[in-house]
């Protein structure tokens, strides 16, 4: 991989890292909302489901990030 491609990959990895951080923030927000609406069982279940979806998205992004870092030997 030439230097230009490596720089593009580094930028892409930064985007992945930001996306993982945002997924985590969103998960925390959904967990807080779940507590706020805990009196309404259906809303609470919805926010729990949304938080769990964010966890799955975060894990997928993190795995892809690790794979790309290793694949392109970027530290």
N, C-alpha and C. Protein backbone atom coordinates (compact mmCIF):
# COMPACT_ATOMS: atom_id res chain seq x y z
N UNK A 1 0.86 -1.17 0.00
CA UNK A 1 0.00 0.00 0.00
C UNK A 1 0.91 1.23 0.00
N UNK A 2 0.62 2.14 -0.92
CA UNK A 2 1.44 3.34 -0.95
C UNK A 2 1.00 4.32 0.15
N UNK A 3 1.75 5.37 0.30
CA UNK A 3 1.53 6.31 1.41
C UNK A 3 0.16 7.00 1.30
N UNK A 4 -0.26 7.33 0.08
CA UNK A 4 -1.55 8.00 -0.12
C UNK A 4 -2.70 7.09 0.32
N UNK A 5 -2.63 5.83 -0.07
CA UNK A 5 -3.67 4.87 0.33
C UNK A 5 -3.66 4.66 1.84
N UNK A 6 -2.48 4.63 2.41
CA UNK A 6 -2.37 4.44 3.86
C UNK A 6 -3.01 5.62 4.59
N UNK A 7 -2.80 6.83 4.10
CA UNK A 7 -3.40 8.01 4.73
C UNK A 7 -4.93 7.97 4.63
N UNK A 8 -5.44 7.50 3.50
CA UNK A 8 -6.89 7.36 3.34
C UNK A 8 -7.43 6.33 4.32
N UNK A 9 -6.70 5.24 4.50
CA UNK A 9 -7.14 4.20 5.43
C UNK A 9 -7.12 4.72 6.86
N UNK A 10 -6.12 5.51 7.20
CA UNK A 10 -6.05 6.10 8.54
C UNK A 10 -7.27 6.99 8.78
N UNK A 11 -7.66 7.77 7.78
CA UNK A 11 -8.86 8.61 7.90
C UNK A 11 -10.10 7.75 8.10
N UNK A 12 -10.20 6.68 7.34
CA UNK A 12 -11.35 5.78 7.47
C UNK A 12 -11.40 5.18 8.87
N UNK A 13 -10.26 4.79 9.39
CA UNK A 13 -10.21 4.22 10.74
C UNK A 13 -10.64 5.24 11.79
N UNK A 14 -10.29 6.50 11.58
CA UNK A 14 -10.73 7.55 12.50
C UNK A 14 -12.25 7.66 12.49
N UNK A 15 -12.84 7.54 11.30
CA UNK A 15 -14.30 7.58 11.18
C UNK A 15 -14.92 6.40 11.92
N UNK A 16 -14.35 5.23 11.77
CA UNK A 16 -14.85 4.05 12.49
C UNK A 16 -14.77 4.26 13.99
N UNK A 17 -13.66 4.82 14.45
CA UNK A 17 -13.49 5.05 15.88
C UNK A 17 -14.54 6.04 16.40
N UNK A 18 -14.79 7.09 15.66
CA UNK A 18 -15.81 8.07 16.05
C UNK A 18 -17.18 7.40 16.07
N UNK A 19 -17.46 6.58 15.08
CA UNK A 19 -18.75 5.89 15.02
C UNK A 19 -18.95 4.98 16.23
N UNK A 20 -17.90 4.28 16.64
CA UNK A 20 -17.99 3.42 17.82
C UNK A 20 -18.30 4.26 19.06
N UNK A 21 -17.62 5.38 19.20
CA UNK A 21 -17.85 6.26 20.35
C UNK A 21 -19.29 6.79 20.35
N UNK A 22 -19.80 7.15 19.19
CA UNK A 22 -21.17 7.67 19.10
C UNK A 22 -22.20 6.58 19.40
N UNK A 23 -21.93 5.36 18.96
CA UNK A 23 -22.83 4.25 19.30
C UNK A 23 -22.90 4.07 20.81
N UNK A 24 -21.75 4.18 21.46
CA UNK A 24 -21.69 4.03 22.91
C UNK A 24 -22.49 5.14 23.60
N UNK A 25 -22.34 6.37 23.12
CA UNK A 25 -23.08 7.50 23.70
C UNK A 25 -24.59 7.30 23.52
N UNK A 26 -24.98 6.83 22.35
CA UNK A 26 -26.39 6.61 22.07
C UNK A 26 -26.95 5.52 22.98
N UNK A 27 -26.17 4.46 23.19
CA UNK A 27 -26.59 3.38 24.08
C UNK A 27 -26.84 3.93 25.49
N UNK A 28 -25.94 4.76 25.97
CA UNK A 28 -26.09 5.36 27.31
C UNK A 28 -27.36 6.21 27.36
N UNK A 29 -27.61 6.97 26.31
CA UNK A 29 -28.81 7.80 26.25
C UNK A 29 -30.07 6.93 26.32
N UNK A 30 -30.10 5.84 25.56
CA UNK A 30 -31.26 4.95 25.58
C UNK A 30 -31.46 4.32 26.96
N UNK A 31 -30.37 3.97 27.61
CA UNK A 31 -30.48 3.40 28.97
C UNK A 31 -31.06 4.44 29.93
N UNK A 32 -30.64 5.69 29.80
CA UNK A 32 -31.18 6.75 30.65
C UNK A 32 -32.67 6.94 30.37
N UNK A 33 -33.02 6.93 29.10
CA UNK A 33 -34.43 7.10 28.73
C UNK A 33 -35.27 5.93 29.24
N UNK A 34 -34.69 4.76 29.25
CA UNK A 34 -35.40 3.59 29.77
C UNK A 34 -35.77 3.82 31.23
N UNK A 35 -34.86 4.39 31.99
CA UNK A 35 -35.13 4.68 33.40
C UNK A 35 -36.19 5.78 33.55
N UNK A 36 -36.11 6.79 32.69
CA UNK A 36 -37.06 7.91 32.75
C UNK A 36 -38.49 7.43 32.50
N UNK A 37 -38.65 6.53 31.57
CA UNK A 37 -40.00 6.07 31.21
C UNK A 37 -40.32 4.72 31.83
N UNK A 38 -39.64 4.38 32.90
CA UNK A 38 -39.81 3.05 33.50
C UNK A 38 -41.24 2.76 33.94
N UNK A 39 -42.04 3.80 34.19
CA UNK A 39 -43.43 3.57 34.58
C UNK A 39 -44.26 3.04 33.41
N UNK A 40 -43.84 3.34 32.20
CA UNK A 40 -44.53 2.85 31.01
C UNK A 40 -43.76 1.64 30.49
N UNK A 41 -44.28 0.46 30.74
CA UNK A 41 -43.59 -0.79 30.43
C UNK A 41 -43.23 -0.90 28.94
N UNK A 42 -44.14 -0.52 28.06
CA UNK A 42 -43.88 -0.64 26.62
C UNK A 42 -42.73 0.27 26.18
N UNK A 43 -42.73 1.50 26.68
CA UNK A 43 -41.64 2.42 26.34
C UNK A 43 -40.32 1.93 26.91
N UNK A 44 -40.36 1.41 28.10
CA UNK A 44 -39.15 0.89 28.74
C UNK A 44 -38.57 -0.26 27.92
N UNK A 45 -39.44 -1.14 27.46
CA UNK A 45 -39.00 -2.27 26.63
C UNK A 45 -38.40 -1.77 25.32
N UNK A 46 -39.03 -0.76 24.73
CA UNK A 46 -38.53 -0.19 23.48
C UNK A 46 -37.12 0.38 23.66
N UNK A 47 -36.92 1.16 24.71
CA UNK A 47 -35.59 1.74 24.93
C UNK A 47 -34.56 0.68 25.28
N UNK A 48 -34.97 -0.37 25.95
CA UNK A 48 -34.05 -1.47 26.23
C UNK A 48 -33.62 -2.13 24.93
N UNK A 49 -34.59 -2.36 24.04
CA UNK A 49 -34.28 -2.96 22.74
C UNK A 49 -33.34 -2.05 21.94
N UNK A 50 -33.63 -0.75 21.92
CA UNK A 50 -32.77 0.19 21.19
C UNK A 50 -31.35 0.18 21.74
N UNK A 51 -31.22 0.15 23.06
CA UNK A 51 -29.89 0.10 23.69
C UNK A 51 -29.15 -1.17 23.27
N UNK A 52 -29.86 -2.28 23.24
CA UNK A 52 -29.24 -3.55 22.84
C UNK A 52 -28.81 -3.52 21.37
N UNK A 53 -29.59 -2.86 20.53
CA UNK A 53 -29.22 -2.71 19.12
C UNK A 53 -27.94 -1.89 19.00
N UNK A 54 -27.83 -0.84 19.79
CA UNK A 54 -26.62 -0.02 19.76
C UNK A 54 -25.40 -0.84 20.18
N UNK A 55 -25.58 -1.72 21.15
CA UNK A 55 -24.48 -2.58 21.58
C UNK A 55 -24.03 -3.45 20.41
N UNK A 56 -24.97 -4.02 19.69
CA UNK A 56 -24.62 -4.87 18.54
C UNK A 56 -23.90 -4.05 17.46
N UNK A 57 -24.41 -2.86 17.18
CA UNK A 57 -23.76 -2.01 16.17
C UNK A 57 -22.34 -1.65 16.61
N UNK A 58 -22.21 -1.30 17.88
CA UNK A 58 -20.90 -0.93 18.41
C UNK A 58 -19.91 -2.09 18.27
N UNK A 59 -20.35 -3.29 18.59
CA UNK A 59 -19.48 -4.47 18.48
C UNK A 59 -19.06 -4.72 17.03
N UNK A 60 -20.00 -4.59 16.10
CA UNK A 60 -19.68 -4.80 14.68
C UNK A 60 -18.66 -3.78 14.20
N UNK A 61 -18.89 -2.52 14.56
CA UNK A 61 -17.95 -1.48 14.15
C UNK A 61 -16.57 -1.68 14.77
N UNK A 62 -16.55 -2.06 16.03
CA UNK A 62 -15.27 -2.28 16.71
C UNK A 62 -14.50 -3.43 16.05
N UNK A 63 -15.21 -4.51 15.72
CA UNK A 63 -14.56 -5.64 15.07
C UNK A 63 -14.01 -5.25 13.70
N UNK A 64 -14.79 -4.50 12.94
CA UNK A 64 -14.34 -4.05 11.62
C UNK A 64 -13.12 -3.14 11.76
N UNK A 65 -13.15 -2.26 12.76
CA UNK A 65 -12.03 -1.36 13.04
C UNK A 65 -10.76 -2.17 13.32
N UNK A 66 -10.88 -3.16 14.20
CA UNK A 66 -9.73 -3.99 14.55
C UNK A 66 -9.21 -4.74 13.32
N UNK A 67 -10.14 -5.27 12.53
CA UNK A 67 -9.75 -6.01 11.33
C UNK A 67 -8.98 -5.12 10.36
N UNK A 68 -9.52 -3.93 10.09
CA UNK A 68 -8.87 -3.03 9.14
C UNK A 68 -7.50 -2.58 9.65
N UNK A 69 -7.42 -2.32 10.94
CA UNK A 69 -6.14 -1.92 11.53
C UNK A 69 -5.09 -3.00 11.34
N UNK A 70 -5.50 -4.22 11.60
CA UNK A 70 -4.57 -5.35 11.46
C UNK A 70 -4.25 -5.61 9.99
N UNK A 71 -5.28 -5.61 9.16
CA UNK A 71 -5.13 -5.90 7.74
C UNK A 71 -4.15 -4.94 7.06
N UNK A 72 -4.24 -3.66 7.41
CA UNK A 72 -3.40 -2.65 6.77
C UNK A 72 -2.22 -2.23 7.62
N UNK A 73 -1.99 -2.98 8.70
CA UNK A 73 -0.84 -2.77 9.58
C UNK A 73 -0.70 -1.32 10.00
N UNK A 74 -1.78 -0.78 10.56
CA UNK A 74 -1.80 0.60 11.03
C UNK A 74 -1.90 0.59 12.54
N UNK A 75 -1.02 1.35 13.17
CA UNK A 75 -1.04 1.41 14.64
C UNK A 75 -1.78 2.59 15.14
